[in-house]
Amino acid sequence: GMYGADRIDAMPQVFQTRFFRKGRGQYSGMVKIVDELRAMITFKELN
């Protein structure tokens, strides 16, 4: 759930503020999806 901060530039500010957290240190320039959303999703490999 980590992406380059530029990937969300076009997103409304309210979405950026509520659903992403800015990375710091080695993760500077990155954003991470908040746990509230990640908890809703199950990722699986599937053919």
All heavy atoms as atom14 arrays in JSON, in Angstrom:
{
  "sequence": "GMYGADRIDAMPQVFQTRFFRKGRGQYSGMVKIVDELRAMITFKELN",
  "atom14_mask": [
    [1, 1, 1, 1, 0, 0, 0, 0, 0, 0, 0, 0, 0, 0],
    [1, 1, 1, 1, 1, 1, 1, 1, 0, 0, 0, 0, 0, 0],
    [1, 1, 1, 1, 1, 1, 1, 1, 1, 1, 1, 1, 0, 0],
    [1, 1, 1, 1, 0, 0, 0, 0, 0, 0, 0, 0, 0, 0],
    [1, 1, 1, 1, 1, 0, 0, 0, 0, 0, 0, 0, 0, 0],
    [1, 1, 1, 1, 1, 1, 1, 1, 0, 0, 0, 0, 0, 0],
    [1, 1, 1, 1, 1, 1, 1, 1, 1, 1, 1, 0, 0, 0],
    [1, 1, 1, 1, 1, 1, 1, 1, 0, 0, 0, 0, 0, 0],
    [1, 1, 1, 1, 1, 1, 1, 1, 0, 0, 0, 0, 0, 0],
    [1, 1, 1, 1, 1, 0, 0, 0, 0, 0, 0, 0, 0, 0],
    [1, 1, 1, 1, 1, 1, 1, 1, 0, 0, 0, 0, 0, 0],
    [1, 1, 1, 1, 1, 1, 1, 0, 0, 0, 0, 0, 0, 0],
    [1, 1, 1, 1, 1, 1, 1, 1, 1, 0, 0, 0, 0, 0],
    [1, 1, 1, 1, 1, 1, 1, 0, 0, 0, 0, 0, 0, 0],
    [1, 1, 1, 1, 1, 1, 1, 1, 1, 1, 1, 0, 0, 0],
    [1, 1, 1, 1, 1, 1, 1, 1, 1, 0, 0, 0, 0, 0],
    [1, 1, 1, 1, 1, 1, 1, 0, 0, 0, 0, 0, 0, 0],
    [1, 1, 1, 1, 1, 1, 1, 1, 1, 1, 1, 0, 0, 0],
    [1, 1, 1, 1, 1, 1, 1, 1, 1, 1, 1, 0, 0, 0],
    [1, 1, 1, 1, 1, 1, 1, 1, 1, 1, 1, 0, 0, 0],
    [1, 1, 1, 1, 1, 1, 1, 1, 1, 1, 1, 0, 0, 0],
    [1, 1, 1, 1, 1, 1, 1, 1, 1, 0, 0, 0, 0, 0],
    [1, 1, 1, 1, 0, 0, 0, 0, 0, 0, 0, 0, 0, 0],
    [1, 1, 1, 1, 1, 1, 1, 1, 1, 1, 1, 0, 0, 0],
    [1, 1, 1, 1, 0, 0, 0, 0, 0, 0, 0, 0, 0, 0],
    [1, 1, 1, 1, 1, 1, 1, 1, 1, 0, 0, 0, 0, 0],
    [1, 1, 1, 1, 1, 1, 1, 1, 1, 1, 1, 1, 0, 0],
    [1, 1, 1, 1, 1, 1, 0, 0, 0, 0, 0, 0, 0, 0],
    [1, 1, 1, 1, 0, 0, 0, 0, 0, 0, 0, 0, 0, 0],
    [1, 1, 1, 1, 1, 1, 1, 1, 0, 0, 0, 0, 0, 0],
    [1, 1, 1, 1, 1, 1, 1, 0, 0, 0, 0, 0, 0, 0],
    [1, 1, 1, 1, 1, 1, 1, 1, 1, 0, 0, 0, 0, 0],
    [1, 1, 1, 1, 1, 1, 1, 1, 0, 0, 0, 0, 0, 0],
    [1, 1, 1, 1, 1, 1, 1, 0, 0, 0, 0, 0, 0, 0],
    [1, 1, 1, 1, 1, 1, 1, 1, 0, 0, 0, 0, 0, 0],
    [1, 1, 1, 1, 1, 1, 1, 1, 1, 0, 0, 0, 0, 0],
    [1, 1, 1, 1, 1, 1, 1, 1, 0, 0, 0, 0, 0, 0],
    [1, 1, 1, 1, 1, 1, 1, 1, 1, 1, 1, 0, 0, 0],
    [1, 1, 1, 1, 1, 0, 0, 0, 0, 0, 0, 0, 0, 0],
    [1, 1, 1, 1, 1, 1, 1, 1, 0, 0, 0, 0, 0, 0],
    [1, 1, 1, 1, 1, 1, 1, 1, 0, 0, 0, 0, 0, 0],
    [1, 1, 1, 1, 1, 1, 1, 0, 0, 0, 0, 0, 0, 0],
    [1, 1, 1, 1, 1, 1, 1, 1, 1, 1, 1, 0, 0, 0],
    [1, 1, 1, 1, 1, 1, 1, 1, 1, 0, 0, 0, 0, 0],
    [1, 1, 1, 1, 1, 1, 1, 1, 1, 0, 0, 0, 0, 0],
    [1, 1, 1, 1, 1, 1, 1, 1, 0, 0, 0, 0, 0, 0],
    [1, 1, 1, 1, 1, 1, 1, 1, 0, 0, 0, 0, 0, 0]
  ],
  "atom14_positions": [
    [[0.8, -1.23, 0.0], [0.0, 0.0, 0.0], [0.82, 1.27, 0.0], [0.38, 2.31, 0.49], [0.0, 0.0, 0.0], [0.0, 0.0, 0.0], [0.0, 0.0, 0.0], [0.0, 0.0, 0.0], [0.0, 0.0, 0.0], [0.0, 0.0, 0.0], [0.0, 0.0, 0.0], [0.0, 0.0, 0.0], [0.0, 0.0, 0.0], [0.0, 0.0, 0.0]],
    [[2.04, 1.2, -0.55], [2.91, 2.38, -0.6], [3.14, 2.81, -2.05], [3.41, 1.97, -2.91], [4.25, 2.08, 0.08], [4.14, 1.85, 1.56], [5.76, 1.78, 2.37], [6.34, 3.45, 2.13], [0.0, 0.0, 0.0], [0.0, 0.0, 0.0], [0.0, 0.0, 0.0], [0.0, 0.0, 0.0], [0.0, 0.0, 0.0], [0.0, 0.0, 0.0]],
    [[3.04, 4.13, -2.28], [3.15, 4.65, -3.65], [3.93, 5.96, -3.64], [4.02, 6.64, -2.61], [1.75, 4.91, -4.22], [0.87, 3.68, -4.22], [0.02, 3.4, -3.15], [0.88, 2.79, -5.29], [-0.78, 2.27, -3.14], [0.08, 1.65, -5.29], [-0.75, 1.41, -4.22], [-1.54, 0.28, -4.2], [0.0, 0.0, 0.0], [0.0, 0.0, 0.0]],
    [[4.46, 6.31, -4.8], [5.08, 7.61, -4.95], [4.04, 8.7, -4.74], [2.9, 8.57, -5.19], [0.0, 0.0, 0.0], [0.0, 0.0, 0.0], [0.0, 0.0, 0.0], [0.0, 0.0, 0.0], [0.0, 0.0, 0.0], [0.0, 0.0, 0.0], [0.0, 0.0, 0.0], [0.0, 0.0, 0.0], [0.0, 0.0, 0.0], [0.0, 0.0, 0.0]],
    [[4.43, 9.76, -4.04], [3.47, 10.82, -3.71], [2.84, 11.44, -4.95], [1.7, 11.92, -4.91], [4.16, 11.89, -2.87], [0.0, 0.0, 0.0], [0.0, 0.0, 0.0], [0.0, 0.0, 0.0], [0.0, 0.0, 0.0], [0.0, 0.0, 0.0], [0.0, 0.0, 0.0], [0.0, 0.0, 0.0], [0.0, 0.0, 0.0], [0.0, 0.0, 0.0]],
    [[3.57, 11.41, -6.08], [3.04, 12.0, -7.3], [1.85, 11.23, -7.85], [1.07, 11.76, -8.65], [4.13, 12.07, -8.37], [4.69, 10.7, -8.73], [4.91, 9.89, -7.81], [4.9, 10.44, -9.92], [0.0, 0.0, 0.0], [0.0, 0.0, 0.0], [0.0, 0.0, 0.0], [0.0, 0.0, 0.0], [0.0, 0.0, 0.0], [0.0, 0.0, 0.0]],
    [[1.67, 9.97, -7.4], [0.56, 9.16, -7.89], [-0.8, 9.68, -7.41], [-1.83, 9.32, -7.97], [0.73, 7.7, -7.45], [1.99, 7.03, -7.93], [1.94, 6.77, -9.43], [0.94, 5.79, -9.79], [1.1, 4.47, -9.71], [2.25, 3.98, -9.29], [0.14, 3.65, -10.08], [0.0, 0.0, 0.0], [0.0, 0.0, 0.0], [0.0, 0.0, 0.0]],
    [[-0.8, 10.49, -6.37], [-2.08, 10.98, -5.84], [-2.24, 12.49, -6.02], [-3.14, 13.1, -5.43], [-2.25, 10.6, -4.35], [-1.23, 11.31, -3.47], [-2.16, 9.09, -4.17], [-1.5, 11.16, -1.98], [0.0, 0.0, 0.0], [0.0, 0.0, 0.0], [0.0, 0.0, 0.0], [0.0, 0.0, 0.0], [0.0, 0.0, 0.0], [0.0, 0.0, 0.0]],
    [[-1.37, 13.11, -6.82], [-1.43, 14.56, -7.02], [-2.79, 15.03, -7.54], [-3.26, 16.11, -7.16], [-0.33, 15.01, -8.0], [1.04, 15.06, -7.34], [1.09, 15.03, -6.1], [2.05, 15.11, -8.08], [0.0, 0.0, 0.0], [0.0, 0.0, 0.0], [0.0, 0.0, 0.0], [0.0, 0.0, 0.0], [0.0, 0.0, 0.0], [0.0, 0.0, 0.0]],
    [[-3.41, 14.24, -8.42], [-4.67, 14.65, -9.03], [-5.89, 14.34, -8.15], [-7.01, 14.7, -8.48], [-4.85, 13.97, -10.4], [0.0, 0.0, 0.0], [0.0, 0.0, 0.0], [0.0, 0.0, 0.0], [0.0, 0.0, 0.0], [0.0, 0.0, 0.0], [0.0, 0.0, 0.0], [0.0, 0.0, 0.0], [0.0, 0.0, 0.0], [0.0, 0.0, 0.0]],
    [[-5.66, 13.7, -7.04], [-6.74, 13.29, -6.15], [-7.19, 14.48, -5.29], [-6.36, 15.3, -4.89], [-6.24, 12.15, -5.25], [-7.32, 11.37, -4.55], [-6.59, 10.01, -3.58], [-5.97, 8.95, -4.89], [0.0, 0.0, 0.0], [0.0, 0.0, 0.0], [0.0, 0.0, 0.0], [0.0, 0.0, 0.0], [0.0, 0.0, 0.0], [0.0, 0.0, 0.0]],
    [[-8.49, 14.61, -5.01], [-8.95, 15.7, -4.14], [-8.19, 15.71, -2.82], [-7.86, 14.66, -2.26], [-10.43, 15.36, -3.92], [-10.82, 14.58, -5.13], [-9.6, 13.78, -5.5], [0.0, 0.0, 0.0], [0.0, 0.0, 0.0], [0.0, 0.0, 0.0], [0.0, 0.0, 0.0], [0.0, 0.0, 0.0], [0.0, 0.0, 0.0], [0.0, 0.0, 0.0]],
    [[-7.9, 16.89, -2.33], [-7.1, 17.03, -1.12], [-7.71, 16.3, 0.08], [-7.01, 15.73, 0.91], [-6.92, 18.51, -0.77], [-5.94, 18.77, 0.36], [-4.54, 18.25, 0.06], [-4.01, 18.5, -1.02], [-3.93, 17.54, 1.0], [0.0, 0.0, 0.0], [0.0, 0.0, 0.0], [0.0, 0.0, 0.0], [0.0, 0.0, 0.0], [0.0, 0.0, 0.0]],
    [[-9.04, 16.3, 0.15], [-9.71, 15.64, 1.27], [-9.41, 14.14, 1.27], [-9.26, 13.52, 2.33], [-11.23, 15.89, 1.23], [-11.86, 15.28, -0.02], [-11.9, 15.34, 2.49], [0.0, 0.0, 0.0], [0.0, 0.0, 0.0], [0.0, 0.0, 0.0], [0.0, 0.0, 0.0], [0.0, 0.0, 0.0], [0.0, 0.0, 0.0], [0.0, 0.0, 0.0]],
    [[-9.26, 13.55, 0.08], [-8.91, 12.13, -0.02], [-7.46, 11.92, 0.41], [-7.15, 10.97, 1.13], [-9.1, 11.64, -1.45], [-10.53, 11.32, -1.82], [-11.47, 12.33, -1.9], [-10.92, 10.03, -2.09], [-12.79, 12.06, -2.25], [-12.23, 9.74, -2.43], [-13.17, 10.76, -2.51], [0.0, 0.0, 0.0], [0.0, 0.0, 0.0], [0.0, 0.0, 0.0]],
    [[-6.58, 12.81, -0.05], [-5.16, 12.68, 0.29], [-4.95, 12.75, 1.79], [-4.18, 11.98, 2.37], [-4.36, 13.79, -0.4], [-4.36, 13.71, -1.92], [-3.44, 14.76, -2.54], [-2.4, 15.09, -2.0], [-3.83, 15.28, -3.69], [0.0, 0.0, 0.0], [0.0, 0.0, 0.0], [0.0, 0.0, 0.0], [0.0, 0.0, 0.0], [0.0, 0.0, 0.0]],
    [[-5.67, 13.68, 2.43], [-5.52, 13.89, 3.87], [-6.1, 12.74, 4.69], [-5.5, 12.29, 5.66], [-6.2, 15.2, 4.29], [-5.63, 16.28, 3.55], [-6.04, 15.45, 5.78], [0.0, 0.0, 0.0], [0.0, 0.0, 0.0], [0.0, 0.0, 0.0], [0.0, 0.0, 0.0], [0.0, 0.0, 0.0], [0.0, 0.0, 0.0], [0.0, 0.0, 0.0]],
    [[-7.26, 12.26, 4.25], [-7.96, 11.23, 5.04], [-7.39, 9.83, 4.85], [-7.32, 9.05, 5.81], [-9.46, 11.23, 4.69], [-10.24, 10.18, 5.44], [-11.72, 10.27, 5.18], [-12.43, 9.15, 5.78], [-13.73, 8.92, 5.65], [-14.48, 9.76, 4.94], [-14.29, 7.86, 6.22], [0.0, 0.0, 0.0], [0.0, 0.0, 0.0], [0.0, 0.0, 0.0]],
    [[-6.98, 9.51, 3.63], [-6.67, 8.11, 3.33], [-5.19, 7.79, 3.12], [-4.84, 6.63, 2.89], [-7.45, 7.68, 2.08], [-8.95, 7.74, 2.26], [-9.73, 8.53, 1.42], [-9.58, 7.01, 3.26], [-11.1, 8.6, 1.57], [-10.95, 7.06, 3.42], [-11.72, 7.86, 2.59], [0.0, 0.0, 0.0], [0.0, 0.0, 0.0], [0.0, 0.0, 0.0]],
    [[-4.32, 8.79, 3.22], [-2.89, 8.55, 3.01], [-2.07, 9.18, 4.12], [-2.45, 10.19, 4.69], [-2.43, 9.12, 1.66], [-3.04, 8.44, 0.46], [-4.27, 8.86, -0.05], [-2.4, 7.37, -0.16], [-4.84, 8.24, -1.14], [-2.95, 6.74, -1.25], [-4.18, 7.17, -1.74], [0.0, 0.0, 0.0], [0.0, 0.0, 0.0], [0.0, 0.0, 0.0]],
    [[-0.92, 8.57, 4.39], [0.04, 9.12, 5.34], [1.37, 9.33, 4.62], [1.83, 8.44, 3.9], [0.22, 8.18, 6.53], [-1.04, 7.97, 7.35], [-1.45, 9.26, 8.06], [-2.71, 9.1, 8.78], [-3.9, 9.47, 8.31], [-3.98, 10.04, 7.11], [-4.99, 9.3, 9.01], [0.0, 0.0, 0.0], [0.0, 0.0, 0.0], [0.0, 0.0, 0.0]],
    [[1.98, 10.47, 4.81], [3.24, 10.78, 4.14], [4.4, 10.04, 4.78], [4.49, 9.94, 5.99], [3.5, 12.3, 4.18], [2.54, 13.12, 3.35], [2.91, 14.6, 3.38], [1.99, 15.42, 2.5], [2.34, 16.86, 2.52], [0.0, 0.0, 0.0], [0.0, 0.0, 0.0], [0.0, 0.0, 0.0], [0.0, 0.0, 0.0], [0.0, 0.0, 0.0]],
    [[5.28, 9.54, 3.91], [6.46, 8.85, 4.4], [7.53, 9.82, 4.84], [7.61, 10.95, 4.35], [0.0, 0.0, 0.0], [0.0, 0.0, 0.0], [0.0, 0.0, 0.0], [0.0, 0.0, 0.0], [0.0, 0.0, 0.0], [0.0, 0.0, 0.0], [0.0, 0.0, 0.0], [0.0, 0.0, 0.0], [0.0, 0.0, 0.0], [0.0, 0.0, 0.0]],
    [[8.38, 9.36, 5.77], [9.48, 10.19, 6.26], [10.78, 9.4, 6.19], [10.79, 8.19, 6.06], [9.21, 10.63, 7.69], [7.98, 11.52, 7.85], [7.74, 11.89, 9.3], [6.55, 12.75, 9.44], [6.07, 13.18, 10.6], [6.71, 12.82, 11.74], [5.0, 13.94, 10.66], [0.0, 0.0, 0.0], [0.0, 0.0, 0.0], [0.0, 0.0, 0.0]],
    [[11.89, 10.12, 6.28], [13.19, 9.46, 6.25], [13.41, 8.75, 4.93], [13.3, 9.36, 3.87], [0.0, 0.0, 0.0], [0.0, 0.0, 0.0], [0.0, 0.0, 0.0], [0.0, 0.0, 0.0], [0.0, 0.0, 0.0], [0.0, 0.0, 0.0], [0.0, 0.0, 0.0], [0.0, 0.0, 0.0], [0.0, 0.0, 0.0], [0.0, 0.0, 0.0]],
    [[13.71, 7.45, 5.0], [13.95, 6.69, 3.77], [12.7, 6.56, 2.9], [12.8, 6.2, 1.73], [14.48, 5.29, 4.13], [13.49, 4.42, 4.9], [14.03, 3.03, 5.14], [14.67, 2.44, 4.27], [13.79, 2.5, 6.34], [0.0, 0.0, 0.0], [0.0, 0.0, 0.0], [0.0, 0.0, 0.0], [0.0, 0.0, 0.0], [0.0, 0.0, 0.0]],
    [[11.54, 6.85, 3.47], [10.29, 6.78, 2.72], [9.79, 8.16, 2.28], [8.64, 8.33, 1.89], [9.2, 6.08, 3.54], [9.57, 4.65, 3.91], [9.87, 4.32, 5.22], [9.64, 3.67, 2.92], [10.22, 3.02, 5.57], [10.0, 2.36, 3.25], [10.29, 2.05, 4.57], [10.63, 0.76, 4.89], [0.0, 0.0, 0.0], [0.0, 0.0, 0.0]],
    [[10.66, 9.15, 2.36], [10.3, 10.49, 1.93], [9.93, 10.46, 0.45], [10.56, 9.79, -0.36], [11.48, 11.45, 2.14], [11.15, 12.74, 1.71], [0.0, 0.0, 0.0], [0.0, 0.0, 0.0], [0.0, 0.0, 0.0], [0.0, 0.0, 0.0], [0.0, 0.0, 0.0], [0.0, 0.0, 0.0], [0.0, 0.0, 0.0], [0.0, 0.0, 0.0]],
    [[8.87, 11.17, 0.1], [8.39, 11.17, -1.28], [7.41, 10.04, -1.55], [6.94, 9.89, -2.69], [0.0, 0.0, 0.0], [0.0, 0.0, 0.0], [0.0, 0.0, 0.0], [0.0, 0.0, 0.0], [0.0, 0.0, 0.0], [0.0, 0.0, 0.0], [0.0, 0.0, 0.0], [0.0, 0.0, 0.0], [0.0, 0.0, 0.0], [0.0, 0.0, 0.0]],
    [[7.09, 9.25, -0.51], [6.14, 8.16, -0.62], [4.9, 8.46, 0.22], [4.94, 9.29, 1.14], [6.76, 6.84, -0.15], [8.04, 6.46, -0.83], [7.79, 5.87, -2.52], [7.0, 4.29, -2.2], [0.0, 0.0, 0.0], [0.0, 0.0, 0.0], [0.0, 0.0, 0.0], [0.0, 0.0, 0.0], [0.0, 0.0, 0.0], [0.0, 0.0, 0.0]],
    [[3.81, 7.8, -0.11], [2.61, 7.86, 0.72], [2.12, 6.44, 0.97], [2.37, 5.54, 0.15], [1.48, 8.69, 0.07], [1.85, 10.17, 0.01], [1.14, 8.17, -1.32], [0.0, 0.0, 0.0], [0.0, 0.0, 0.0], [0.0, 0.0, 0.0], [0.0, 0.0, 0.0], [0.0, 0.0, 0.0], [0.0, 0.0, 0.0], [0.0, 0.0, 0.0]],
    [[1.43, 6.24, 2.09], [0.93, 4.91, 2.43], [-0.56, 4.97, 2.74], [-1.03, 5.88, 3.41], [1.69, 4.34, 3.64], [1.33, 2.9, 3.96], [2.26, 2.31, 5.01], [1.95, 0.83, 5.22], [2.89, 0.2, 6.18], [0.0, 0.0, 0.0], [0.0, 0.0, 0.0], [0.0, 0.0, 0.0], [0.0, 0.0, 0.0], [0.0, 0.0, 0.0]],
    [[-1.28, 3.97, 2.22], [-2.71, 3.85, 2.49], [-2.94, 3.63, 3.98], [-2.21, 2.86, 4.62], [-3.3, 2.66, 1.71], [-3.11, 2.82, 0.2], [-4.77, 2.48, 2.05], [-4.02, 3.81, -0.46], [0.0, 0.0, 0.0], [0.0, 0.0, 0.0], [0.0, 0.0, 0.0], [0.0, 0.0, 0.0], [0.0, 0.0, 0.0], [0.0, 0.0, 0.0]],
    [[-3.96, 4.27, 4.54], [-4.24, 4.12, 5.98], [-4.75, 2.71, 6.27], [-5.34, 2.04, 5.41], [-5.27, 5.17, 6.46], [-4.7, 6.58, 6.32], [-6.59, 5.03, 5.7], [0.0, 0.0, 0.0], [0.0, 0.0, 0.0], [0.0, 0.0, 0.0], [0.0, 0.0, 0.0], [0.0, 0.0, 0.0], [0.0, 0.0, 0.0], [0.0, 0.0, 0.0]],
    [[-4.55, 2.27, 7.5], [-4.93, 0.92, 7.91], [-6.43, 0.68, 7.78], [-6.87, -0.45, 7.55], [-4.48, 0.66, 9.34], [-2.97, 0.57, 9.48], [-2.29, 0.37, 8.44], [-2.46, 0.71, 10.6], [0.0, 0.0, 0.0], [0.0, 0.0, 0.0], [0.0, 0.0, 0.0], [0.0, 0.0, 0.0], [0.0, 0.0, 0.0], [0.0, 0.0, 0.0]],
    [[-7.23, 1.74, 7.96], [-8.69, 1.61, 7.86], [-9.1, 1.0, 6.52], [-9.99, 0.15, 6.45], [-9.33, 3.0, 8.01], [-10.84, 3.01, 7.81], [-11.4, 4.42, 7.69], [-10.61, 5.38, 7.51], [-12.63, 4.56, 7.75], [0.0, 0.0, 0.0], [0.0, 0.0, 0.0], [0.0, 0.0, 0.0], [0.0, 0.0, 0.0], [0.0, 0.0, 0.0]],
    [[-8.44, 1.42, 5.44], [-8.76, 0.9, 4.12], [-8.13, -0.46, 3.89], [-8.76, -1.37, 3.32], [-8.29, 1.88, 3.03], [-8.94, 3.25, 2.98], [-8.52, 3.97, 1.71], [-10.46, 3.16, 3.05], [0.0, 0.0, 0.0], [0.0, 0.0, 0.0], [0.0, 0.0, 0.0], [0.0, 0.0, 0.0], [0.0, 0.0, 0.0], [0.0, 0.0, 0.0]],
    [[-6.9, -0.62, 4.32], [-6.19, -1.87, 4.09], [-6.91, -3.03, 4.76], [-6.89, -4.16, 4.28], [-4.75, -1.76, 4.58], [-3.93, -0.72, 3.81], [-2.55, -0.53, 4.4], [-1.73, -1.72, 4.19], [-0.66, -2.02, 4.92], [-0.31, -1.24, 5.93], [0.04, -3.1, 4.67], [0.0, 0.0, 0.0], [0.0, 0.0, 0.0], [0.0, 0.0, 0.0]],
    [[-7.57, -2.76, 5.89], [-8.27, -3.8, 6.63], [-9.5, -4.31, 5.87], [-9.98, -5.42, 6.13], [-8.7, -3.27, 8.0], [0.0, 0.0, 0.0], [0.0, 0.0, 0.0], [0.0, 0.0, 0.0], [0.0, 0.0, 0.0], [0.0, 0.0, 0.0], [0.0, 0.0, 0.0], [0.0, 0.0, 0.0], [0.0, 0.0, 0.0], [0.0, 0.0, 0.0]],
    [[-9.99, -3.54, 4.91], [-11.17, -3.93, 4.14], [-10.83, -4.88, 3.0], [-11.72, -5.51, 2.41], [-11.85, -2.68, 3.55], [-12.4, -1.72, 4.59], [-12.86, -0.13, 3.86], [-14.13, -0.65, 2.7], [0.0, 0.0, 0.0], [0.0, 0.0, 0.0], [0.0, 0.0, 0.0], [0.0, 0.0, 0.0], [0.0, 0.0, 0.0], [0.0, 0.0, 0.0]],
    [[-9.53, -5.0, 2.67], [-9.13, -5.68, 1.44], [-8.28, -6.91, 1.74], [-7.38, -6.87, 2.56], [-8.33, -4.71, 0.54], [-9.14, -3.44, 0.26], [-7.96, -5.38, -0.78], [-8.34, -2.33, -0.38], [0.0, 0.0, 0.0], [0.0, 0.0, 0.0], [0.0, 0.0, 0.0], [0.0, 0.0, 0.0], [0.0, 0.0, 0.0], [0.0, 0.0, 0.0]],
    [[-8.58, -7.99, 1.03], [-7.75, -9.2, 1.06], [-7.13, -9.39, -0.31], [-7.86, -9.46, -1.31], [-8.59, -10.44, 1.41], [-9.17, -10.25, 2.71], [-7.72, -11.68, 1.42], [0.0, 0.0, 0.0], [0.0, 0.0, 0.0], [0.0, 0.0, 0.0], [0.0, 0.0, 0.0], [0.0, 0.0, 0.0], [0.0, 0.0, 0.0], [0.0, 0.0, 0.0]],
    [[-5.81, -9.46, -0.38], [-5.11, -9.64, -1.65], [-4.72, -11.11, -1.81], [-4.18, -11.73, -0.9], [-3.85, -8.77, -1.71], [-4.13, -7.3, -1.81], [-4.12, -6.5, -0.67], [-4.41, -6.71, -3.03], [-4.39, -5.14, -0.76], [-4.68, -5.35, -3.14], [-4.67, -4.57, -2.0], [0.0, 0.0, 0.0], [0.0, 0.0, 0.0], [0.0, 0.0, 0.0]],
    [[-5.0, -11.66, -2.99], [-4.69, -13.05, -3.27], [-4.19, -13.21, -4.7], [-4.7, -12.55, -5.62], [-5.94, -13.94, -3.1], [-6.46, -14.04, -1.68], [-5.58, -14.92, -0.82], [-6.18, -15.13, 0.57], [-5.3, -15.95, 1.44], [0.0, 0.0, 0.0], [0.0, 0.0, 0.0], [0.0, 0.0, 0.0], [0.0, 0.0, 0.0], [0.0, 0.0, 0.0]],
    [[-3.22, -14.1, -4.89], [-2.79, -14.46, -6.24], [-3.82, -15.42, -6.83], [-4.2, -16.4, -6.19], [-1.41, -15.11, -6.2], [-0.85, -15.41, -7.59], [0.56, -15.98, -7.54], [1.2, -15.91, -6.45], [1.02, -16.51, -8.56], [0.0, 0.0, 0.0], [0.0, 0.0, 0.0], [0.0, 0.0, 0.0], [0.0, 0.0, 0.0], [0.0, 0.0, 0.0]],
    [[-4.28, -15.14, -8.03], [-5.32, -15.97, -8.64], [-5.21, -15.96, -10.15], [-5.13, -14.91, -10.78], [-6.71, -15.47, -8.24], [-7.9, -16.27, -8.8], [-7.92, -17.69, -8.22], [-9.22, -15.57, -8.53], [0.0, 0.0, 0.0], [0.0, 0.0, 0.0], [0.0, 0.0, 0.0], [0.0, 0.0, 0.0], [0.0, 0.0, 0.0], [0.0, 0.0, 0.0]],
    [[-5.2, -17.14, -10.72], [-5.27, -17.32, -12.17], [-6.73, -17.51, -12.53], [-7.37, -18.47, -12.07], [-4.44, -18.56, -12.56], [-4.34, -18.76, -14.05], [-5.25, -18.4, -14.81], [-3.26, -19.36, -14.5], [0.0, 0.0, 0.0], [0.0, 0.0, 0.0], [0.0, 0.0, 0.0], [0.0, 0.0, 0.0], [0.0, 0.0, 0.0], [0.0, 0.0, 0.0]]
  ]
}
